[in-house]
Amino acid sequence: MHRAALFLLLLPIATATVFAQSAPPTSPALEALVSEIHQLRQDLQAATVAGQRVQIALFRLQTQTTAVARATSRLDELRSRISQAQSNHSEIARRMQQFEEKQRNSRDPNELKTVADVLPQLKAGMDREAGEEQRLQAGEAEAASQLRAEQAKLNDLQDQLDKLDKILDGFVKK
């Protein structure tokens, strides 16, 4: 019993002495290893973050490349439609000239009546084609502007990837 009481009295003093002791001095080699491990950990974290940023930039690049392709396709489609409208316009103008020539040179009343019926239709068709051509040209200007904007975004993303590449190259050369 006395031993137990003595033990309980000495226990707080003994624990205070144990906690008051300092850690044993470390060797320079151990300190160098700890420092190297700490540096490797920091480099690994930086490489992980850089890798994630590269993945995000590549995804954005892929998305932007798709947007540029869509804008290019839209512009090409509009240019094709403009070319078709111009061709239609030219064909109607050629036919109008033919009918006007017939109207001036013909003496046949049936042919003059046919020409008189067809010419207003051709003029209306020519006006429709001219209006369609103007509408398509306005769309072409808008599509060209959109393509330039999308291409500028793509160029910015490529610049970001170039910067990330240089950063990663710096990690490799360390």
C-alpha atoms as a PDB file:
ATOM      1  CA  MET A   1       0.000   0.000   0.000  1.00  0.00           C
ATOM      2  CA  HIS A   2       2.821   2.353   0.869  1.00  0.00           C
ATOM      3  CA  ARG A   3       4.464   1.534  -2.390  1.00  0.00           C
ATOM      4  CA  ALA A   4       1.308   2.407  -4.295  1.00  0.00           C
ATOM      5  CA  ALA A   5       0.959   5.728  -2.493  1.00  0.00           C
ATOM      6  CA  LEU A   6       4.620   6.529  -3.072  1.00  0.00           C
ATOM      7  CA  PHE A   7       4.233   5.616  -6.749  1.00  0.00           C
ATOM      8  CA  LEU A   8       1.245   7.926  -7.149  1.00  0.00           C
ATOM      9  CA  LEU A   9       3.149  10.793  -5.567  1.00  0.00           C
ATOM     10  CA  LEU A  10       6.232  10.314  -7.710  1.00  0.00           C
ATOM     11  CA  LEU A  11       4.372   9.723 -10.981  1.00  0.00           C
ATOM     12  CA  PRO A  12       3.715  13.427 -11.765  1.00  0.00           C
ATOM     13  CA  ILE A  13       7.335  14.316 -11.060  1.00  0.00           C
ATOM     14  CA  ALA A  14       8.662  11.512 -13.260  1.00  0.00           C
ATOM     15  CA  THR A  15       6.376  12.394 -16.179  1.00  0.00           C
ATOM     16  CA  ALA A  16       7.361  16.052 -15.976  1.00  0.00           C
ATOM     17  CA  THR A  17      11.005  15.042 -16.134  1.00  0.00           C
ATOM     18  CA  VAL A  18      10.397  12.842 -19.184  1.00  0.00           C
ATOM     19  CA  PHE A  19       8.587  15.600 -21.061  1.00  0.00           C
ATOM     20  CA  ALA A  20      11.187  18.187 -20.141  1.00  0.00           C
ATOM     21  CA  GLN A  21      13.946  16.239 -21.892  1.00  0.00           C
ATOM     22  CA  SER A  22      14.831  17.556 -25.342  1.00  0.00           C
ATOM     23  CA  ALA A  23      15.000  15.464 -28.490  1.00  0.00           C
ATOM     24  CA  PRO A  24      18.369  13.931 -29.153  1.00  0.00           C
ATOM     25  CA  PRO A  25      20.475  15.955 -31.538  1.00  0.00           C
ATOM     26  CA  THR A  26      20.069  14.882 -35.176  1.00  0.00           C
ATOM     27  CA  SER A  27      22.934  14.164 -37.486  1.00  0.00           C
ATOM     28  CA  PRO A  28      23.610  16.368 -40.544  1.00  0.00           C
ATOM     29  CA  ALA A  29      22.936  13.404 -42.831  1.00  0.00           C
ATOM     30  CA  LEU A  30      19.485  12.905 -41.295  1.00  0.00           C
ATOM     31  CA  GLU A  31      18.725  16.612 -41.610  1.00  0.00           C
ATOM     32  CA  ALA A  32      19.780  16.505 -45.282  1.00  0.00           C
ATOM     33  CA  LEU A  33      17.481  13.536 -45.923  1.00  0.00           C
ATOM     34  CA  VAL A  34      14.549  15.249 -44.251  1.00  0.00           C
ATOM     35  CA  SER A  35      15.211  18.396 -46.281  1.00  0.00           C
ATOM     36  CA  GLU A  36      15.468  16.370 -49.498  1.00  0.00           C
ATOM     37  CA  ILE A  37      12.187  14.562 -48.749  1.00  0.00           C
ATOM     38  CA  HIS A  38      10.505  17.895 -48.033  1.00  0.00           C
ATOM     39  CA  GLN A  39      11.787  19.310 -51.353  1.00  0.00           C
ATOM     40  CA  LEU A  40      10.643  16.202 -53.251  1.00  0.00           C
ATOM     41  CA  ARG A  41       7.208  16.532 -51.699  1.00  0.00           C
ATOM     42  CA  GLN A  42       6.973  20.155 -52.783  1.00  0.00           C
ATOM     43  CA  ASP A  43       8.142  19.270 -56.301  1.00  0.00           C
ATOM     44  CA  LEU A  44       5.606  16.455 -56.512  1.00  0.00           C
ATOM     45  CA  GLN A  45       2.810  18.771 -55.427  1.00  0.00           C
ATOM     46  CA  ALA A  46       3.887  21.387 -57.963  1.00  0.00           C
ATOM     47  CA  ALA A  47       4.085  18.766 -60.730  1.00  0.00           C
ATOM     48  CA  THR A  48       0.631  17.465 -59.824  1.00  0.00           C
ATOM     49  CA  VAL A  49      -0.848  20.953 -59.991  1.00  0.00           C
ATOM     50  CA  ALA A  50       0.940  21.635 -63.283  1.00  0.00           C
ATOM     51  CA  GLY A  51      -0.343  18.330 -64.682  1.00  0.00           C
ATOM     52  CA  GLN A  52      -3.883  19.208 -63.703  1.00  0.00           C
ATOM     53  CA  ARG A  53      -3.544  22.639 -65.306  1.00  0.00           C
ATOM     54  CA  VAL A  54      -2.241  21.023 -68.484  1.00  0.00           C
ATOM     55  CA  GLN A  55      -5.220  18.658 -68.555  1.00  0.00           C
ATOM     56  CA  ILE A  56      -7.632  21.555 -68.116  1.00  0.00           C
ATOM     57  CA  ALA A  57      -5.868  23.562 -70.822  1.00  0.00           C
ATOM     58  CA  LEU A  58      -5.927  20.581 -73.195  1.00  0.00           C
ATOM     59  CA  PHE A  59      -9.650  20.098 -72.610  1.00  0.00           C
ATOM     60  CA  ARG A  60     -10.254  23.789 -73.267  1.00  0.00           C
ATOM     61  CA  LEU A  61      -8.054  23.574 -76.371  1.00  0.00           C
ATOM     62  CA  GLN A  62     -10.043  20.607 -77.664  1.00  0.00           C
ATOM     63  CA  THR A  63     -13.329  22.417 -77.021  1.00  0.00           C
ATOM     64  CA  GLN A  64     -12.064  25.589 -78.691  1.00  0.00           C
ATOM     65  CA  THR A  65     -10.742  23.645 -81.680  1.00  0.00           C
ATOM     66  CA  THR A  66     -14.235  22.225 -82.113  1.00  0.00           C
ATOM     67  CA  ALA A  67     -15.712  25.741 -81.916  1.00  0.00           C
ATOM     68  CA  VAL A  68     -13.265  26.962 -84.594  1.00  0.00           C
ATOM     69  CA  ALA A  69     -14.168  24.002 -86.802  1.00  0.00           C
ATOM     70  CA  ARG A  70     -17.891  24.771 -86.427  1.00  0.00           C
ATOM     71  CA  ALA A  71     -17.332  28.460 -87.239  1.00  0.00           C
ATOM     72  CA  THR A  72     -15.218  27.526 -90.264  1.00  0.00           C
ATOM     73  CA  SER A  73     -17.864  25.103 -91.463  1.00  0.00           C
ATOM     74  CA  ARG A  74     -20.599  27.723 -91.075  1.00  0.00           C
ATOM     75  CA  LEU A  75     -18.551  30.278 -93.014  1.00  0.00           C
ATOM     76  CA  ASP A  76     -17.808  27.772 -95.781  1.00  0.00           C
ATOM     77  CA  GLU A  77     -21.498  26.852 -95.999  1.00  0.00           C
ATOM     78  CA  LEU A  78     -22.514  30.508 -96.294  1.00  0.00           C
ATOM     79  CA  ARG A  79     -19.900  31.145 -98.968  1.00  0.00           C
ATOM     80  CA  SER A  80     -21.167  28.157-100.906  1.00  0.00           C
ATOM     81  CA  ARG A  81     -24.744  29.412-100.646  1.00  0.00           C
ATOM     82  CA  ILE A  82     -23.648  32.898-101.770  1.00  0.00           C
ATOM     83  CA  SER A  83     -21.930  31.377-104.778  1.00  0.00           C
ATOM     84  CA  GLN A  84     -25.103  29.436-105.601  1.00  0.00           C
ATOM     85  CA  ALA A  85     -27.249  32.572-105.193  1.00  0.00           C
ATOM     86  CA  GLN A  86     -24.914  34.518-107.492  1.00  0.00           C
ATOM     87  CA  SER A  87     -25.071  31.725-110.032  1.00  0.00           C
ATOM     88  CA  ASN A  88     -28.886  31.708-109.836  1.00  0.00           C
ATOM     89  CA  HIS A  89     -28.929  35.490-110.172  1.00  0.00           C
ATOM     90  CA  SER A  90     -26.714  35.323-113.265  1.00  0.00           C
ATOM     91  CA  GLU A  91     -28.860  32.593-114.800  1.00  0.00           C
ATOM     92  CA  ILE A  92     -32.054  34.604-114.263  1.00  0.00           C
ATOM     93  CA  ALA A  93     -30.378  37.699-115.748  1.00  0.00           C
ATOM     94  CA  ARG A  94     -29.311  35.666-118.801  1.00  0.00           C
ATOM     95  CA  ARG A  95     -32.829  34.300-119.257  1.00  0.00           C
ATOM     96  CA  MET A  96     -34.293  37.795-118.888  1.00  0.00           C
ATOM     97  CA  GLN A  97     -32.012  39.052-121.649  1.00  0.00           C
ATOM     98  CA  GLN A  98     -33.124  36.205-123.884  1.00  0.00           C
ATOM     99  CA  PHE A  99     -36.795  36.971-123.275  1.00  0.00           C
ATOM    100  CA  GLU A 100     -36.290  40.701-123.749  1.00  0.00           C
ATOM    101  CA  GLU A 101     -34.516  39.932-127.029  1.00  0.00           C
ATOM    102  CA  LYS A 102     -37.468  37.767-128.092  1.00  0.00           C
ATOM    103  CA  GLN A 103     -39.853  40.555-127.121  1.00  0.00           C
ATOM    104  CA  ARG A 104     -37.985  43.044-129.340  1.00  0.00           C
ATOM    105  CA  ASN A 105     -37.577  40.718-132.302  1.00  0.00           C
ATOM    106  CA  SER A 106     -40.691  38.564-132.317  1.00  0.00           C
ATOM    107  CA  ARG A 107     -43.814  39.252-134.365  1.00  0.00           C
ATOM    108  CA  ASP A 108     -45.668  36.146-133.167  1.00  0.00           C
ATOM    109  CA  PRO A 109     -48.526  37.192-130.806  1.00  0.00           C
ATOM    110  CA  ASN A 110     -48.416  33.899-128.869  1.00  0.00           C
ATOM    111  CA  GLU A 111     -44.708  34.234-128.259  1.00  0.00           C
ATOM    112  CA  LEU A 112     -45.140  37.891-127.233  1.00  0.00           C
ATOM    113  CA  LYS A 113     -47.853  36.864-124.753  1.00  0.00           C
ATOM    114  CA  THR A 114     -45.593  34.137-123.284  1.00  0.00           C
ATOM    115  CA  VAL A 115     -42.729  36.606-122.992  1.00  0.00           C
ATOM    116  CA  ALA A 116     -45.015  39.167-121.371  1.00  0.00           C
ATOM    117  CA  ASP A 117     -46.104  36.516-118.809  1.00  0.00           C
ATOM    118  CA  VAL A 118     -42.593  35.232-118.078  1.00  0.00           C
ATOM    119  CA  LEU A 119     -40.687  38.531-117.766  1.00  0.00           C
ATOM    120  CA  PRO A 120     -42.435  39.694-114.545  1.00  0.00           C
ATOM    121  CA  GLN A 121     -41.799  36.288-112.986  1.00  0.00           C
ATOM    122  CA  LEU A 122     -38.140  36.491-113.925  1.00  0.00           C
ATOM    123  CA  LYS A 123     -37.888  40.029-112.510  1.00  0.00           C
ATOM    124  CA  ALA A 124     -39.496  38.858-109.250  1.00  0.00           C
ATOM    125  CA  GLY A 125     -37.086  35.910-109.151  1.00  0.00           C
ATOM    126  CA  MET A 126     -34.170  38.249-109.759  1.00  0.00           C
ATOM    127  CA  ASP A 127     -35.302  40.475-106.863  1.00  0.00           C
ATOM    128  CA  ARG A 128     -35.676  37.430-104.575  1.00  0.00           C
ATOM    129  CA  GLU A 129     -32.191  36.204-105.481  1.00  0.00           C
ATOM    130  CA  ALA A 130     -30.705  39.676-104.913  1.00  0.00           C
ATOM    131  CA  GLY A 131     -32.361  39.850-101.475  1.00  0.00           C
ATOM    132  CA  GLU A 132     -31.178  36.330-100.601  1.00  0.00           C
ATOM    133  CA  GLU A 133     -27.670  37.172-101.730  1.00  0.00           C
ATOM    134  CA  GLN A 134     -27.620  40.286 -99.517  1.00  0.00           C
ATOM    135  CA  ARG A 135     -28.937  38.288 -96.537  1.00  0.00           C
ATOM    136  CA  LEU A 136     -26.299  35.620 -97.066  1.00  0.00           C
ATOM    137  CA  GLN A 137     -23.526  38.201 -97.401  1.00  0.00           C
ATOM    138  CA  ALA A 138     -24.557  39.748 -94.080  1.00  0.00           C
ATOM    139  CA  GLY A 139     -24.464  36.263 -92.550  1.00  0.00           C
ATOM    140  CA  GLU A 140     -21.047  35.681 -94.103  1.00  0.00           C
ATOM    141  CA  ALA A 141     -19.679  38.858 -92.506  1.00  0.00           C
ATOM    142  CA  GLU A 142     -21.036  37.772 -89.122  1.00  0.00           C
ATOM    143  CA  ALA A 143     -19.654  34.240 -89.550  1.00  0.00           C
ATOM    144  CA  ALA A 144     -16.231  35.596 -90.539  1.00  0.00           C
ATOM    145  CA  SER A 145     -16.217  37.807 -87.439  1.00  0.00           C
ATOM    146  CA  GLN A 146     -17.210  34.844 -85.254  1.00  0.00           C
ATOM    147  CA  LEU A 147     -14.457  32.720 -86.796  1.00  0.00           C
ATOM    148  CA  ARG A 148     -11.857  35.414 -86.064  1.00  0.00           C
ATOM    149  CA  ALA A 149     -13.042  35.604 -82.429  1.00  0.00           C
ATOM    150  CA  GLU A 150     -12.923  31.815 -82.010  1.00  0.00           C
ATOM    151  CA  GLN A 151      -9.491  31.674 -83.648  1.00  0.00           C
ATOM    152  CA  ALA A 152      -8.218  34.369 -81.259  1.00  0.00           C
ATOM    153  CA  LYS A 153      -9.453  32.311 -78.293  1.00  0.00           C
ATOM    154  CA  LEU A 154      -7.709  29.253 -79.728  1.00  0.00           C
ATOM    155  CA  ASN A 155      -4.467  31.213 -80.127  1.00  0.00           C
ATOM    156  CA  ASP A 156      -4.684  32.359 -76.487  1.00  0.00           C
ATOM    157  CA  LEU A 157      -5.108  28.778 -75.329  1.00  0.00           C
ATOM    158  CA  GLN A 158      -2.140  27.677 -77.411  1.00  0.00           C
ATOM    159  CA  ASP A 159      -0.080  30.452 -75.798  1.00  0.00           C
ATOM    160  CA  GLN A 160      -1.126  29.190 -72.352  1.00  0.00           C
ATOM    161  CA  LEU A 161      -0.043  25.681 -73.290  1.00  0.00           C
ATOM    162  CA  ASP A 162       3.302  27.023 -74.490  1.00  0.00           C
ATOM    163  CA  LYS A 163       3.801  28.735 -71.112  1.00  0.00           C
ATOM    164  CA  LEU A 164       2.881  25.560 -69.247  1.00  0.00           C
ATOM    165  CA  ASP A 165       5.293  23.622 -71.432  1.00  0.00           C
ATOM    166  CA  LYS A 166       8.105  25.993 -70.480  1.00  0.00           C
ATOM    167  CA  ILE A 167       7.225  25.656 -66.798  1.00  0.00           C
ATOM    168  CA  LEU A 168       7.264  21.875 -67.039  1.00  0.00           C
ATOM    169  CA  ASP A 169      10.512  22.004 -68.980  1.00  0.00           C
ATOM    170  CA  GLY A 170      11.962  23.951 -66.059  1.00  0.00           C
ATOM    171  CA  PHE A 171      11.006  21.121 -63.701  1.00  0.00           C
ATOM    172  CA  VAL A 172      12.739  18.576 -65.900  1.00  0.00           C
ATOM    173  CA  LYS A 173      15.977  20.604 -66.041  1.00  0.00           C
ATOM    174  CA  LYS A 174      16.213  20.989 -62.241  1.00  0.00           C
END
